[in-house]
């Protein structure tokens, strides 16, 4: 996985080989992102050329929650 320094979010293009196990190929990409401690925030539908886009947040998302000290 070639990662470019573009800030917090990363879009990963996964081109699946239809002659191989598609689920396993996508699972391998998810496992690789998990090794980086990234958080999956979105997935595209299969696009032309059998490509799926995985959208990662390279920081832990807060989901709008803030922690205030008392």
Protein backbone atom coordinates (compact mmCIF):
# COMPACT_ATOMS: atom_id res chain seq x y z
CA UNK A 1 0.00 0.00 0.00
CA UNK A 2 1.63 3.21 -1.16
CA UNK A 3 0.66 6.01 1.18
CA UNK A 4 1.05 9.63 0.19
CA UNK A 5 1.29 12.31 2.84
CA UNK A 6 -1.99 14.11 2.20
CA UNK A 7 -3.23 14.75 5.69
CA UNK A 8 -5.65 12.93 7.92
CA UNK A 9 -7.77 11.06 5.36
CA UNK A 10 -6.60 8.45 2.86
CA UNK A 11 -8.48 7.01 -0.13
CA UNK A 12 -7.26 3.55 -1.08
CA UNK A 13 -8.05 2.15 -4.51
CA UNK A 14 -8.49 -1.63 -4.50
CA UNK A 15 -8.73 -3.27 -7.93
CA UNK A 16 -10.14 -6.75 -7.50
CA UNK A 17 -9.24 -9.72 -9.68
CA UNK A 18 -12.49 -11.47 -10.59
CA UNK A 19 -10.59 -14.73 -11.11
CA UNK A 20 -9.57 -14.76 -7.43
CA UNK A 21 -11.54 -14.62 -4.18
CA UNK A 22 -12.92 -11.06 -4.17
CA UNK A 23 -13.88 -11.14 -0.49
CA UNK A 24 -10.37 -12.25 0.48
CA UNK A 25 -8.79 -9.46 -1.58
CA UNK A 26 -10.92 -6.82 0.13
CA UNK A 27 -10.31 -8.42 3.54
CA UNK A 28 -6.54 -8.24 2.90
CA UNK A 29 -6.83 -4.50 2.18
CA UNK A 30 -8.87 -4.02 5.38
CA UNK A 31 -6.32 -5.98 7.41
CA UNK A 32 -3.49 -3.87 5.98
CA UNK A 33 -5.28 -0.64 6.99
CA UNK A 34 -5.86 -2.08 10.45
CA UNK A 35 -2.12 -2.73 10.80
CA UNK A 36 -1.65 1.02 10.36
CA UNK A 37 -4.27 1.61 13.10
CA UNK A 38 -6.48 3.39 10.57
CA UNK A 39 -10.26 3.56 10.88
CA UNK A 40 -12.50 2.73 7.93
CA UNK A 41 -15.03 5.52 7.39
CA UNK A 42 -16.45 4.66 3.97
CA UNK A 43 -16.52 2.26 1.05
CA UNK A 44 -17.55 2.91 -2.55
CA UNK A 45 -19.62 0.61 -4.69
CA UNK A 46 -17.72 -1.44 -7.26
CA UNK A 47 -16.74 1.00 -10.02
CA UNK A 48 -15.68 0.47 -13.63
CA UNK A 49 -12.62 -1.73 -13.86
CA UNK A 50 -13.69 -3.68 -10.74
CA UNK A 51 -12.30 -1.03 -8.42
CA UNK A 52 -13.48 -0.40 -4.86
CA UNK A 53 -12.44 2.68 -2.92
CA UNK A 54 -11.80 2.37 0.82
CA UNK A 55 -11.80 5.65 2.76
CA UNK A 56 -9.64 5.70 5.87
CA UNK A 57 -9.32 8.12 8.77
CA UNK A 58 -5.71 7.94 9.90
CA UNK A 59 -6.64 9.34 13.32
CA UNK A 60 -9.13 7.96 15.80
CA UNK A 61 -12.49 9.51 14.87
CA UNK A 62 -14.37 11.31 17.63
CA UNK A 63 -17.84 11.02 16.03
CA UNK A 64 -18.55 14.50 17.42
CA UNK A 65 -17.90 13.48 21.02
CA UNK A 66 -15.80 15.82 23.11
CA UNK A 67 -14.27 15.01 26.46
CA UNK A 68 -14.17 17.94 28.83
CA UNK A 69 -12.32 17.86 32.13
CA UNK A 70 -14.24 18.81 35.21
